[in-house]
PDB file of N, CA and C in Angstrom:
ATOM      1  N   MET A   1     186.531  88.019  99.126  1.00  0.00           N
ATOM      2  CA  MET A   1     185.470  87.539  98.130  1.00  0.00           C
ATOM      3  C   MET A   1     185.739  89.106  96.774  1.00  0.00           C
ATOM      4  N   ASP A   2     185.791  89.021  95.730  1.00  0.00           N
ATOM      5  CA  ASP A   2     185.983  90.388  94.648  1.00  0.00           C
ATOM      6  C   ASP A   2     185.070  91.142  94.910  1.00  0.00           C
ATOM      7  N   ASP A   3     185.821  92.349  94.980  1.00  0.00           N
ATOM      8  CA  ASP A   3     184.541  93.964  94.462  1.00  0.00           C
ATOM      9  C   ASP A   3     183.941  93.479  93.626  1.00  0.00           C
ATOM     10  N   LYS A   4     182.552  93.916  93.774  1.00  0.00           N
ATOM     11  CA  LYS A   4     181.578  94.114  92.629  1.00  0.00           C
ATOM     12  C   LYS A   4     181.735  95.583  91.895  1.00  0.00           C
ATOM     13  N   ILE A   5     181.792  95.489  90.562  1.00  0.00           N
ATOM     14  CA  ILE A   5     182.173  96.616  89.838  1.00  0.00           C
ATOM     15  C   ILE A   5     180.859  96.982  89.141  1.00  0.00           C
ATOM     16  N   LYS A   6     180.417  98.328  89.282  1.00  0.00           N
ATOM     17  CA  LYS A   6     178.983  98.868  88.911  1.00  0.00           C
ATOM     18  C   LYS A   6     179.277  98.968  87.413  1.00  0.00           C
ATOM     19  N   PHE A   7     178.234  98.803  86.448  1.00  0.00           N
ATOM     20  CA  PHE A   7     177.954  98.387  85.174  1.00  0.00           C
ATOM     21  C   PHE A   7     176.267  98.973  84.894  1.00  0.00           C
ATOM     22  N   GLU A   8     176.287  99.854  83.875  1.00  0.00           N
ATOM     23  CA  GLU A   8     175.176 100.381  82.998  1.00  0.00           C
ATOM     24  C   GLU A   8     175.084  99.989  81.558  1.00  0.00           C
ATOM     25  N   ILE A   9     173.597  99.716  81.339  1.00  0.00           N
ATOM     26  CA  ILE A   9     173.731  99.516  80.009  1.00  0.00           C
ATOM     27  C   ILE A   9     172.478 100.218  79.551  1.00  0.00           C
ATOM     28  N   GLU A  10     171.985 100.294  78.708  1.00  0.00           N
ATOM     29  CA  GLU A  10     171.177 101.034  78.038  1.00  0.00           C
ATOM     30  C   GLU A  10     170.239 100.666  76.822  1.00  0.00           C
ATOM     31  N   PHE A  11     168.764  99.919  77.008  1.00  0.00           N
ATOM     32  CA  PHE A  11     168.191  99.801  75.771  1.00  0.00           C
ATOM     33  C   PHE A  11     166.996 100.969  75.628  1.00  0.00           C
ATOM     34  N   VAL A  12     166.590 100.887  73.836  1.00  0.00           N
ATOM     35  CA  VAL A  12     165.929 101.693  73.521  1.00  0.00           C
ATOM     36  C   VAL A  12     164.541 100.479  73.435  1.00  0.00           C
ATOM     37  N   ILE A  13     163.642 100.926  73.911  1.00  0.00           N
ATOM     38  CA  ILE A  13     162.263 100.492  74.159  1.00  0.00           C
ATOM     39  C   ILE A  13     160.754 101.106  73.643  1.00  0.00           C
ATOM     40  N   GLN A  14     160.192 100.561  73.095  1.00  0.00           N
ATOM     41  CA  GLN A  14     159.086 101.205  71.966  1.00  0.00           C
ATOM     42  C   GLN A  14     158.055 100.915  72.786  1.00  0.00           C
ATOM     43  N   SER A  15     157.740 101.326  73.828  1.00  0.00           N
ATOM     44  CA  SER A  15     156.491 101.315  74.676  1.00  0.00           C
ATOM     45  C   SER A  15     156.090 102.485  75.725  1.00  0.00           C
ATOM     46  N   SER A  16     155.291 103.039  76.320  1.00  0.00           N
ATOM     47  CA  SER A  16     154.642 104.089  77.149  1.00  0.00           C
ATOM     48  C   SER A  16     155.586 104.128  78.416  1.00  0.00           C
ATOM     49  N   PRO A  17     156.173 104.872  79.000  1.00  0.00           N
ATOM     50  CA  PRO A  17     156.764 104.523  80.434  1.00  0.00           C
ATOM     51  C   PRO A  17     155.883 103.905  81.425  1.00  0.00           C
ATOM     52  N   GLN A  18     154.418 104.445  81.403  1.00  0.00           N
ATOM     53  CA  GLN A  18     153.483 103.879  82.178  1.00  0.00           C
ATOM     54  C   GLN A  18     153.323 102.067  82.106  1.00  0.00           C
ATOM     55  N   LEU A  19     153.370 102.061  80.563  1.00  0.00           N
ATOM     56  CA  LEU A  19     153.129 100.372  80.405  1.00  0.00           C
ATOM     57  C   LEU A  19     154.181  99.759  80.907  1.00  0.00           C
ATOM     58  N   LEU A  20     155.466 100.342  80.347  1.00  0.00           N
ATOM     59  CA  LEU A  20     156.960  99.630  81.011  1.00  0.00           C
ATOM     60  C   LEU A  20     157.029  99.167  82.468  1.00  0.00           C
ATOM     61  N   TYR A  21     156.959 100.462  83.221  1.00  0.00           N
ATOM     62  CA  TYR A  21     156.426 100.811  84.552  1.00  0.00           C
ATOM     63  C   TYR A  21     155.720  99.429  85.355  1.00  0.00           C
ATOM     64  N   GLN A  22     155.070  98.952  84.483  1.00  0.00           N
ATOM     65  CA  GLN A  22     153.983  97.527  85.076  1.00  0.00           C
ATOM     66  C   GLN A  22     154.923  96.538  84.931  1.00  0.00           C
ATOM     67  N   TYR A  23     155.305  96.312  84.168  1.00  0.00           N
ATOM     68  CA  TYR A  23     156.719  95.260  83.669  1.00  0.00           C
ATOM     69  C   TYR A  23     158.089  94.948  84.930  1.00  0.00           C
ATOM     70  N   LEU A  24     158.353  96.155  85.275  1.00  0.00           N
ATOM     71  CA  LEU A  24     159.371  96.623  86.328  1.00  0.00           C
ATOM     72  C   LEU A  24     158.779  96.224  87.701  1.00  0.00           C
ATOM     73  N   ALA A  25     157.774  96.909  88.053  1.00  0.00           N
ATOM     74  CA  ALA A  25     157.620  97.166  89.266  1.00  0.00           C
ATOM     75  C   ALA A  25     156.533  95.826  89.776  1.00  0.00           C
ATOM     76  N   THR A  26     156.053  95.411  89.150  1.00  0.00           N
ATOM     77  CA  THR A  26     154.857  94.324  89.714  1.00  0.00           C
ATOM     78  C   THR A  26     154.838  92.770  89.572  1.00  0.00           C
ATOM     79  N   PRO A  27     154.531  92.117  90.173  1.00  0.00           N
ATOM     80  CA  PRO A  27     154.951  90.551  90.435  1.00  0.00           C
ATOM     81  C   PRO A  27     154.309  89.845  89.161  1.00  0.00           C
ATOM     82  N   SER A  28     153.292  90.366  88.948  1.00  0.00           N
ATOM     83  CA  SER A  28     152.684  89.836  87.795  1.00  0.00           C
ATOM     84  C   SER A  28     153.612  89.990  86.290  1.00  0.00           C
ATOM     85  N   GLY A  29     154.116  91.655  86.256  1.00  0.00           N
ATOM     86  CA  GLY A  29     155.029  92.346  85.163  1.00  0.00           C
ATOM     87  C   GLY A  29     156.137  91.732  85.004  1.00  0.00           C
ATOM     88  N   LEU A  30     157.124  91.259  85.883  1.00  0.00           N
ATOM     89  CA  LEU A  30     158.091  90.688  86.259  1.00  0.00           C
ATOM     90  C   LEU A  30     158.428  89.249  85.833  1.00  0.00           C
ATOM     91  N   SER A  31     157.052  88.425  86.378  1.00  0.00           N
ATOM     92  CA  SER A  31     157.084  87.440  85.566  1.00  0.00           C
ATOM     93  C   SER A  31     156.737  86.731  84.448  1.00  0.00           C
ATOM     94  N   GLU A  32     156.235  87.824  83.505  1.00  0.00           N
ATOM     95  CA  GLU A  32     156.104  87.795  82.670  1.00  0.00           C
ATOM     96  C   GLU A  32     157.530  87.912  81.290  1.00  0.00           C
ATOM     97  N   TRP A  33     158.629  88.212  82.016  1.00  0.00           N
ATOM     98  CA  TRP A  33     159.955  88.253  81.172  1.00  0.00           C
ATOM     99  C   TRP A  33     161.122  88.220  82.190  1.00  0.00           C
ATOM    100  N   PHE A  34     161.110  88.483  83.333  1.00  0.00           N
ATOM    101  CA  PHE A  34     162.627  88.440  84.087  1.00  0.00           C
ATOM    102  C   PHE A  34     162.479  87.385  85.007  1.00  0.00           C
ATOM    103  N   ALA A  35     161.522  86.538  85.215  1.00  0.00           N
ATOM    104  CA  ALA A  35     161.519  85.326  86.254  1.00  0.00           C
ATOM    105  C   ALA A  35     160.617  84.275  85.718  1.00  0.00           C
ATOM    106  N   ASP A  36     160.749  83.095  86.123  1.00  0.00           N
ATOM    107  CA  ASP A  36     159.510  82.101  85.588  1.00  0.00           C
ATOM    108  C   ASP A  36     158.523  82.472  86.832  1.00  0.00           C
ATOM    109  N   ASN A  37     158.087  83.250  87.394  1.00  0.00           N
ATOM    110  CA  ASN A  37     157.511  83.231  88.491  1.00  0.00           C
ATOM    111  C   ASN A  37     157.852  84.533  89.840  1.00  0.00           C
ATOM    112  N   VAL A  38     157.225  85.092  90.000  1.00  0.00           N
ATOM    113  CA  VAL A  38     157.196  86.152  91.048  1.00  0.00           C
ATOM    114  C   VAL A  38     156.454  86.507  91.721  1.00  0.00           C
ATOM    115  N   ASN A  39     156.544  86.489  93.089  1.00  0.00           N
ATOM    116  CA  ASN A  39     155.439  86.822  94.393  1.00  0.00           C
ATOM    117  C   ASN A  39     155.911  87.708  95.239  1.00  0.00           C
ATOM    118  N   SER A  40     155.036  88.486  95.787  1.00  0.00           N
ATOM    119  CA  SER A  40     155.599  89.605  96.580  1.00  0.00           C
ATOM    120  C   SER A  40     154.692  89.713  98.004  1.00  0.00           C
ATOM    121  N   ARG A  41     155.614  90.173  98.981  1.00  0.00           N
ATOM    122  CA  ARG A  41     154.550  90.256 100.046  1.00  0.00           C
ATOM    123  C   ARG A  41     155.295  92.099 100.520  1.00  0.00           C
ATOM    124  N   GLY A  42     154.655  93.119 100.330  1.00  0.00           N
ATOM    125  CA  GLY A  42     155.402  94.066 100.940  1.00  0.00           C
ATOM    126  C   GLY A  42     156.544  94.763  99.690  1.00  0.00           C
ATOM    127  N   GLU A  43     157.279  94.753 100.469  1.00  0.00           N
ATOM    128  CA  GLU A  43     158.725  95.048  99.685  1.00  0.00           C
ATOM    129  C   GLU A  43     159.415  93.828  99.398  1.00  0.00           C
ATOM    130  N   LYS A  44     159.008  93.248  99.748  1.00  0.00           N
ATOM    131  CA  LYS A  44     159.943  91.554  99.979  1.00  0.00           C
ATOM    132  C   LYS A  44     159.363  91.342  98.399  1.00  0.00           C
ATOM    133  N   PHE A  45     160.442  90.483  97.521  1.00  0.00           N
ATOM    134  CA  PHE A  45     159.992  90.344  96.275  1.00  0.00           C
ATOM    135  C   PHE A  45     160.403  88.768  96.242  1.00  0.00           C
ATOM    136  N   LEU A  46     159.695  87.633  95.748  1.00  0.00           N
ATOM    137  CA  LEU A  46     160.551  86.604  95.452  1.00  0.00           C
ATOM    138  C   LEU A  46     160.810  85.932  94.030  1.00  0.00           C
ATOM    139  N   PHE A  47     161.554  85.981  93.722  1.00  0.00           N
ATOM    140  CA  PHE A  47     161.842  85.328  92.347  1.00  0.00           C
ATOM    141  C   PHE A  47     162.187  84.023  92.285  1.00  0.00           C
ATOM    142  N   ILE A  48     161.603  83.393  91.227  1.00  0.00           N
ATOM    143  CA  ILE A  48     161.776  81.510  91.209  1.00  0.00           C
ATOM    144  C   ILE A  48     162.385  81.430  89.539  1.00  0.00           C
ATOM    145  N   TRP A  49     163.057  81.032  89.446  1.00  0.00           N
ATOM    146  CA  TRP A  49     163.688  80.377  87.895  1.00  0.00           C
ATOM    147  C   TRP A  49     163.949  79.017  88.119  1.00  0.00           C
ATOM    148  N   ASP A  50     163.546  78.042  87.333  1.00  0.00           N
ATOM    149  CA  ASP A  50     163.894  76.823  87.194  1.00  0.00           C
ATOM    150  C   ASP A  50     163.550  76.105  88.453  1.00  0.00           C
ATOM    151  N   GLY A  51     162.924  76.418  89.555  1.00  0.00           N
ATOM    152  CA  GLY A  51     162.599  75.746  90.910  1.00  0.00           C
ATOM    153  C   GLY A  51     163.541  76.698  92.140  1.00  0.00           C
ATOM    154  N   THR A  52     164.220  77.247  91.178  1.00  0.00           N
ATOM    155  CA  THR A  52     165.537  77.994  92.492  1.00  0.00           C
ATOM    156  C   THR A  52     164.887  79.204  93.035  1.00  0.00           C
ATOM    157  N   GLU A  53     164.789  79.977  94.161  1.00  0.00           N
ATOM    158  CA  GLU A  53     164.433  81.026  94.631  1.00  0.00           C
ATOM    159  C   GLU A  53     165.255  81.823  95.118  1.00  0.00           C
ATOM    160  N   GLU A  54     165.041  83.045  94.566  1.00  0.00           N
ATOM    161  CA  GLU A  54     166.094  84.636  95.227  1.00  0.00           C
ATOM    162  C   GLU A  54     165.415  85.462  95.488  1.00  0.00           C
ATOM    163  N   GLU A  55     165.054  85.438  97.198  1.00  0.00           N
ATOM    164  CA  GLU A  55     164.344  86.640  97.661  1.00  0.00           C
ATOM    165  C   GLU A  55     165.432  88.374  97.141  1.00  0.00           C
ATOM    166  N   ALA A  56     164.284  88.736  96.783  1.00  0.00           N
ATOM    167  CA  ALA A  56     165.445  90.566  96.685  1.00  0.00           C
ATOM    168  C   ALA A  56     164.441  91.685  97.352  1.00  0.00           C
ATOM    169  N   LYS A  57     164.682  92.702  97.573  1.00  0.00           N
ATOM    170  CA  LYS A  57     163.725  93.511  98.417  1.00  0.00           C
ATOM    171  C   LYS A  57     163.802  94.736  97.647  1.00  0.00           C
ATOM    172  N   MET A  58     162.776  95.107  97.737  1.00  0.00           N
ATOM    173  CA  MET A  58     162.592  96.915  96.599  1.00  0.00           C
ATOM    174  C   MET A  58     162.476  97.877  97.782  1.00  0.00           C
ATOM    175  N   LEU A  59     164.268  98.412  97.139  1.00  0.00           N
ATOM    176  CA  LEU A  59     164.530  99.496  97.928  1.00  0.00           C
ATOM    177  C   LEU A  59     163.952 100.739  98.115  1.00  0.00           C
ATOM    178  N   LYS A  60     163.837 100.782  96.544  1.00  0.00           N
ATOM    179  CA  LYS A  60     163.382 102.467  96.187  1.00  0.00           C
ATOM    180  C   LYS A  60     162.651 102.202  94.970  1.00  0.00           C
ATOM    181  N   LYS A  61     161.162 103.266  94.864  1.00  0.00           N
ATOM    182  CA  LYS A  61     160.614 102.434  93.391  1.00  0.00           C
ATOM    183  C   LYS A  61     160.308 104.480  93.441  1.00  0.00           C
ATOM    184  N   LYS A  62     159.676 104.858  92.021  1.00  0.00           N
ATOM    185  CA  LYS A  62     159.560 106.036  91.667  1.00  0.00           C
ATOM    186  C   LYS A  62     157.938 105.781  90.672  1.00  0.00           C
ATOM    187  N   THR A  63     156.588 105.615  90.736  1.00  0.00           N
ATOM    188  CA  THR A  63     155.938 105.366  89.825  1.00  0.00           C
ATOM    189  C   THR A  63     156.350 106.322  88.479  1.00  0.00           C
ATOM    190  N   ASP A  64     156.795 105.055  87.213  1.00  0.00           N
ATOM    191  CA  ASP A  64     156.395 105.286  85.950  1.00  0.00           C
ATOM    192  C   ASP A  64     157.963 106.085  86.031  1.00  0.00           C
ATOM    193  N   GLU A  65     158.843 105.966  86.812  1.00  0.00           N
ATOM    194  CA  GLU A  65     160.511 106.357  86.700  1.00  0.00           C
ATOM    195  C   GLU A  65     161.477 104.963  86.843  1.00  0.00           C
ATOM    196  N   PHE A  66     161.320 104.383  87.819  1.00  0.00           N
ATOM    197  CA  PHE A  66     162.437 103.221  88.035  1.00  0.00           C
ATOM    198  C   PHE A  66     161.941 102.744  89.609  1.00  0.00           C
ATOM    199  N   VAL A  67     162.882 101.704  89.739  1.00  0.00           N
ATOM    200  CA  VAL A  67     162.693 100.350  90.614  1.00  0.00           C
ATOM    201  C   VAL A  67     163.938  99.985  90.984  1.00  0.00           C
ATOM    202  N   ARG A  68     164.538  99.891  92.446  1.00  0.00           N
ATOM    203  CA  ARG A  68     165.751  99.010  92.462  1.00  0.00           C
ATOM    204  C   ARG A  68     165.485  98.030  93.373  1.00  0.00           C
ATOM    205  N   PHE A  69     166.217  97.068  93.460  1.00  0.00           N
ATOM    206  CA  PHE A  69     165.681  96.047  94.123  1.00  0.00           C
ATOM    207  C   PHE A  69     167.518  95.806  94.946  1.00  0.00           C
ATOM    208  N   THR A  70     167.451  94.906  95.896  1.00  0.00           N
ATOM    209  CA  THR A  70     168.801  94.526  96.599  1.00  0.00           C
ATOM    210  C   THR A  70     168.502  92.937  96.522  1.00  0.00           C
ATOM    211  N   TRP A  71     169.556  91.965  96.279  1.00  0.00           N
ATOM    212  CA  TRP A  71     169.168  90.640  96.798  1.00  0.00           C
ATOM    213  C   TRP A  71     169.825  90.467  98.010  1.00  0.00           C
ATOM    214  N   VAL A  72     168.430  89.686  98.780  1.00  0.00           N
ATOM    215  CA  VAL A  72     168.375  89.556  99.996  1.00  0.00           C
ATOM    216  C   VAL A  72     169.885  88.839 100.962  1.00  0.00           C
ATOM    217  N   GLU A  73     170.437  87.780 100.032  1.00  0.00           N
ATOM    218  CA  GLU A  73     171.582  87.143 100.367  1.00  0.00           C
ATOM    219  C   GLU A  73     172.818  87.865 100.441  1.00  0.00           C
ATOM    220  N   ASN A  74     173.093  89.567  99.796  1.00  0.00           N
ATOM    221  CA  ASN A  74     173.945  90.154  99.244  1.00  0.00           C
ATOM    222  C   ASN A  74     174.371  90.296 100.789  1.00  0.00           C
ATOM    223  N   GLU A  75     175.862  90.749 100.578  1.00  0.00           N
ATOM    224  CA  GLU A  75     176.116  91.249 101.925  1.00  0.00           C
ATOM    225  C   GLU A  75     177.364  92.244 101.278  1.00  0.00           C
ATOM    226  N   ASP A  76     176.920  92.758 100.400  1.00  0.00           N
ATOM    227  CA  ASP A  76     177.486  94.528  99.937  1.00  0.00           C
ATOM    228  C   ASP A  76     176.692  95.237  99.532  1.00  0.00           C
ATOM    229  N   ASP A  77     176.838  96.528  99.407  1.00  0.00           N
ATOM    230  CA  ASP A  77     176.185  97.554  98.863  1.00  0.00           C
ATOM    231  C   ASP A  77     175.076  97.296  97.444  1.00  0.00           C
ATOM    232  N   SER A  78     175.414  96.367  96.576  1.00  0.00           N
ATOM    233  CA  SER A  78     175.180  96.731  95.139  1.00  0.00           C
ATOM    234  C   SER A  78     173.396  96.037  95.226  1.00  0.00           C
ATOM    235  N   TYR A  79     173.140  96.707  94.160  1.00  0.00           N
ATOM    236  CA  TYR A  79     171.947  96.554  94.034  1.00  0.00           C
ATOM    237  C   TYR A  79     171.320  96.683  92.242  1.00  0.00           C
ATOM    238  N   PHE A  80     170.190  96.414  91.935  1.00  0.00           N
ATOM    239  CA  PHE A  80     169.988  96.589  90.272  1.00  0.00           C
ATOM    240  C   PHE A  80     169.112  97.310  90.232  1.00  0.00           C
ATOM    241  N   GLU A  81     168.863  98.203  89.213  1.00  0.00           N
ATOM    242  CA  GLU A  81     168.024  99.586  88.957  1.00  0.00           C
ATOM    243  C   GLU A  81     167.889  99.037  87.512  1.00  0.00           C
ATOM    244  N   MET A  82     166.067  99.679  87.589  1.00  0.00           N
ATOM    245  CA  MET A  82     165.720  99.813  86.445  1.00  0.00           C
ATOM    246  C   MET A  82     164.937 100.963  86.117  1.00  0.00           C
ATOM    247  N   LYS A  83     165.604 101.688  85.404  1.00  0.00           N
ATOM    248  CA  LYS A  83     164.684 102.993  85.343  1.00  0.00           C
ATOM    249  C   LYS A  83     164.493 103.694  83.935  1.00  0.00           C
ATOM    250  N   ILE A  84     163.237 104.304  83.854  1.00  0.00           N
ATOM    251  CA  ILE A  84     162.693 104.509  82.417  1.00  0.00           C
ATOM    252  C   ILE A  84     163.248 105.938  82.007  1.00  0.00           C
ATOM    253  N   ILE A  85     163.842 106.212  81.200  1.00  0.00           N
ATOM    254  CA  ILE A  85     164.469 107.587  80.445  1.00  0.00           C
ATOM    255  C   ILE A  85     163.569 107.950  79.488  1.00  0.00           C
ATOM    256  N   VAL A  86     163.232 109.053  79.477  1.00  0.00           N
ATOM    257  CA  VAL A  86     162.333 109.471  78.229  1.00  0.00           C
ATOM    258  C   VAL A  86     162.759 110.595  77.482  1.00  0.00           C
ATOM    259  N   ASP A  87     163.529 110.519  76.736  1.00  0.00           N
ATOM    260  CA  ASP A  87     164.205 111.347  75.970  1.00  0.00           C
ATOM    261  C   ASP A  87     163.315 112.944  75.546  1.00  0.00           C
ATOM    262  N   GLU A  88     163.461 114.292  76.201  1.00  0.00           N
ATOM    263  CA  GLU A  88     162.642 115.006  75.969  1.00  0.00           C
ATOM    264  C   GLU A  88     162.276 115.616  74.420  1.00  0.00           C
ATOM    265  N   ILE A  89     163.292 115.379  73.897  1.00  0.00           N
ATOM    266  CA  ILE A  89     162.853 115.760  72.276  1.00  0.00           C
ATOM    267  C   ILE A  89     162.305 114.807  71.257  1.00  0.00           C
ATOM    268  N   THR A  90     162.744 113.240  70.809  1.00  0.00           N
ATOM    269  CA  THR A  90     162.604 112.820  70.674  1.00  0.00           C
ATOM    270  C   THR A  90     161.214 111.743  71.109  1.00  0.00           C
ATOM    271  N   LYS A  91     161.216 111.866  72.128  1.00  0.00           N
ATOM    272  CA  LYS A  91     159.993 111.365  72.967  1.00  0.00           C
ATOM    273  C   LYS A  91     160.572 109.953  73.169  1.00  0.00           C
ATOM    274  N   ASP A  92     161.793 109.365  72.718  1.00  0.00           N
ATOM    275  CA  ASP A  92     161.938 107.425  72.759  1.00  0.00           C
ATOM    276  C   ASP A  92     162.193 107.256  74.017  1.00  0.00           C
ATOM    277  N   VAL A  93     161.848 105.824  74.380  1.00  0.00           N
ATOM    278  CA  VAL A  93     161.879 105.516  75.998  1.00  0.00           C
ATOM    279  C   VAL A  93     163.122 104.393  75.971  1.00  0.00           C
ATOM    280  N   SER A  94     164.009 104.765  76.668  1.00  0.00           N
ATOM    281  CA  SER A  94     164.766 103.887  76.887  1.00  0.00           C
ATOM    282  C   SER A  94     164.869 103.187  78.892  1.00  0.00           C
ATOM    283  N   LEU A  95     165.491 102.070  78.478  1.00  0.00           N
ATOM    284  CA  LEU A  95     165.458 101.529  79.378  1.00  0.00           C
ATOM    285  C   LEU A  95     166.812 101.498  79.969  1.00  0.00           C
ATOM    286  N   PHE A  96     166.799 101.576  81.482  1.00  0.00           N
ATOM    287  CA  PHE A  96     168.633 102.150  81.706  1.00  0.00           C
ATOM    288  C   PHE A  96     168.830 101.043  82.899  1.00  0.00           C
ATOM    289  N   ILE A  97     169.588 100.031  82.565  1.00  0.00           N
ATOM    290  CA  ILE A  97     169.655  98.921  83.696  1.00  0.00           C
ATOM    291  C   ILE A  97     171.063  99.559  84.498  1.00  0.00           C
ATOM    292  N   THR A  98     171.016  99.472  86.213  1.00  0.00           N
ATOM    293  CA  THR A  98     172.287  99.561  86.647  1.00  0.00           C
ATOM    294  C   THR A  98     172.283  98.208  87.223  1.00  0.00           C
ATOM    295  N   ASP A  99     173.478  97.709  87.126  1.00  0.00           N
ATOM    296  CA  ASP A  99     173.661  96.691  88.281  1.00  0.00           C
ATOM    297  C   ASP A  99     175.156  96.019  88.651  1.00  0.00           C
ATOM    298  N   PHE A 100     175.724  95.485  89.325  1.00  0.00           N
ATOM    299  CA  PHE A 100     177.085  94.950  89.597  1.00  0.00           C
ATOM    300  C   PHE A 100     177.377  93.842  89.243  1.00  0.00           C
ATOM    301  N   ALA A 101     178.514  93.409  89.181  1.00  0.00           N
ATOM    302  CA  ALA A 101     179.293  92.165  88.878  1.00  0.00           C
ATOM    303  C   ALA A 101     180.514  91.891  89.366  1.00  0.00           C
ATOM    304  N   GLU A 102     180.910  90.826  89.165  1.00  0.00           N
ATOM    305  CA  GLU A 102     182.687  90.510  89.432  1.00  0.00           C
ATOM    306  C   GLU A 102     182.959  90.602  88.587  1.00  0.00           C
ATOM    307  N   GLU A 103     184.085  91.275  88.268  1.00  0.00           N
ATOM    308  CA  GLU A 103     184.924  91.772  87.077  1.00  0.00           C
ATOM    309  C   GLU A 103     185.305  90.490  85.829  1.00  0.00           C
ATOM    310  N   ASP A 104     185.414  89.060  86.647  1.00  0.00           N
ATOM    311  CA  ASP A 104     185.179  88.046  85.559  1.00  0.00           C
ATOM    312  C   ASP A 104     183.996  87.602  85.128  1.00  0.00           C
ATOM    313  N   GLU A 105     183.333  88.092  85.920  1.00  0.00           N
ATOM    314  CA  GLU A 105     181.601  87.857  85.553  1.00  0.00           C
ATOM    315  C   GLU A 105     180.562  89.221  84.758  1.00  0.00           C
ATOM    316  N   MET A 106     181.759  90.063  84.243  1.00  0.00           N
ATOM    317  CA  MET A 106     180.613  91.047  83.641  1.00  0.00           C
ATOM    318  C   MET A 106     180.245  90.998  82.329  1.00  0.00           C
ATOM    319  N   ASP A 107     180.818  90.100  81.780  1.00  0.00           N
ATOM    320  CA  ASP A 107     180.058  90.436  80.092  1.00  0.00           C
ATOM    321  C   ASP A 107     178.870  89.543  80.450  1.00  0.00           C
ATOM    322  N   GLU A 108     179.324  87.971  81.095  1.00  0.00           N
ATOM    323  CA  GLU A 108     178.084  87.028  81.414  1.00  0.00           C
ATOM    324  C   GLU A 108     176.589  88.072  82.005  1.00  0.00           C
ATOM    325  N   ALA A 109     177.386  88.594  82.735  1.00  0.00           N
ATOM    326  CA  ALA A 109     176.161  89.579  83.700  1.00  0.00           C
ATOM    327  C   ALA A 109     175.798  90.238  82.342  1.00  0.00           C
ATOM    328  N   LYS A 110     175.818  91.247  81.938  1.00  0.00           N
ATOM    329  CA  LYS A 110     175.620  91.977  80.742  1.00  0.00           C
ATOM    330  C   LYS A 110     174.680  91.160  79.781  1.00  0.00           C
ATOM    331  N   MET A 111     175.401  90.363  79.501  1.00  0.00           N
ATOM    332  CA  MET A 111     174.607  89.300  78.571  1.00  0.00           C
ATOM    333  C   MET A 111     172.872  88.710  78.839  1.00  0.00           C
ATOM    334  N   LEU A 112     173.170  88.586  80.192  1.00  0.00           N
ATOM    335  CA  LEU A 112     172.002  88.345  80.747  1.00  0.00           C
ATOM    336  C   LEU A 112     171.132  89.276  80.653  1.00  0.00           C
ATOM    337  N   TRP A 113     171.599  90.388  80.843  1.00  0.00           N
ATOM    338  CA  TRP A 113     170.469  91.448  80.732  1.00  0.00           C
ATOM    339  C   TRP A 113     169.658  91.891  79.497  1.00  0.00           C
ATOM    340  N   GLU A 114     170.802  91.551  78.563  1.00  0.00           N
ATOM    341  CA  GLU A 114     169.828  91.430  77.387  1.00  0.00           C
ATOM    342  C   GLU A 114     168.966  90.449  76.586  1.00  0.00           C
ATOM    343  N   ASN A 115     169.567  89.154  77.282  1.00  0.00           N
ATOM    344  CA  ASN A 115     168.394  88.264  76.900  1.00  0.00           C
ATOM    345  C   ASN A 115     167.167  88.462  77.754  1.00  0.00           C
ATOM    346  N   GLN A 116     167.153  89.010  79.327  1.00  0.00           N
ATOM    347  CA  GLN A 116     166.125  89.563  79.623  1.00  0.00           C
ATOM    348  C   GLN A 116     165.647  90.315  79.020  1.00  0.00           C
ATOM    349  N   VAL A 117     165.957  91.859  78.386  1.00  0.00           N
ATOM    350  CA  VAL A 117     165.364  92.832  77.848  1.00  0.00           C
ATOM    351  C   VAL A 117     164.827  92.012  76.764  1.00  0.00           C
ATOM    352  N   SER A 118     165.297  91.553  75.935  1.00  0.00           N
ATOM    353  CA  SER A 118     164.975  90.894  74.634  1.00  0.00           C
ATOM    354  C   SER A 118     163.717  90.475  74.745  1.00  0.00           C
ATOM    355  N   ASP A 119     163.596  89.360  76.079  1.00  0.00           N
ATOM    356  CA  ASP A 119     162.374  88.639  76.462  1.00  0.00           C
ATOM    357  C   ASP A 119     161.277  89.787  76.646  1.00  0.00           C
ATOM    358  N   LEU A 120     161.496  90.655  77.260  1.00  0.00           N
ATOM    359  CA  LEU A 120     160.880  92.054  77.494  1.00  0.00           C
ATOM    360  C   LEU A 120     160.079  92.505  76.479  1.00  0.00           C
ATOM    361  N   LYS A 121     160.937  93.334  75.450  1.00  0.00           N
ATOM    362  CA  LYS A 121     160.635  93.752  74.175  1.00  0.00           C
ATOM    363  C   LYS A 121     159.507  92.699  73.757  1.00  0.00           C
ATOM    364  N   GLN A 122     159.768  91.618  73.535  1.00  0.00           N
ATOM    365  CA  GLN A 122     158.772  90.753  73.005  1.00  0.00           C
ATOM    366  C   GLN A 122     157.411  90.638  73.376  1.00  0.00           C
ATOM    367  N   VAL A 123     157.591  90.754  74.669  1.00  0.00           N
ATOM    368  CA  VAL A 123     156.185  90.785  75.401  1.00  0.00           C
ATOM    369  C   VAL A 123     155.118  91.915  75.411  1.00  0.00           C
ATOM    370  N   LEU A 124     156.294  93.158  75.371  1.00  0.00           N
ATOM    371  CA  LEU A 124     155.828  94.068  75.109  1.00  0.00           C
ATOM    372  C   LEU A 124     155.439  94.598  73.535  1.00  0.00           C
ATOM    373  N   GLY A 125     156.068  93.698  72.372  1.00  0.00           N
ATOM    374  CA  GLY A 125     155.659  93.844  70.789  1.00  0.00           C
ATOM    375  C   GLY A 125     156.616  95.302  70.418  1.00  0.00           C
ATOM    376  N   SER A 126     157.768  95.304  71.496  1.00  0.00           N
ATOM    377  CA  SER A 126     158.525  96.200  70.873  1.00  0.00           C
ATOM    378  C   SER A 126     159.710  95.612  69.611  1.00  0.00           C
ATOM    379  N   LYS A 127     160.397  96.285  69.373  1.00  0.00           N
ATOM    380  CA  LYS A 127     161.372  95.930  68.239  1.00  0.00           C
ATOM    381  C   LYS A 127     162.945  95.984  68.932  1.00  0.00           C
TER     382      LYS A 127
END
């Protein structure tokens, strides 16, 4: 198996950190933009897309700041993290995504995040 490469992308989101966090850390929020449906039991999250289920474990979270998940079937140390960054001067809110992909899947992985975050912005009424 190829080693996965860490990548980071940033999106400016017109939202309060508190509201944005609800869409990143709760099953109801995540099912609005990230997956067709999301269920959780404790730190285990079940993401459902077109009838396909993927289980993830929430590794870390800090209210109104970030959430970090790992896919349960992963056999490596990869994870995906969604971090909320607020510019101290302008107060602009950014969503900072950290994820891992194999080199030949990097463009596809980034495009997937761009599409997902585009859906999130629509739900939030952000541009």
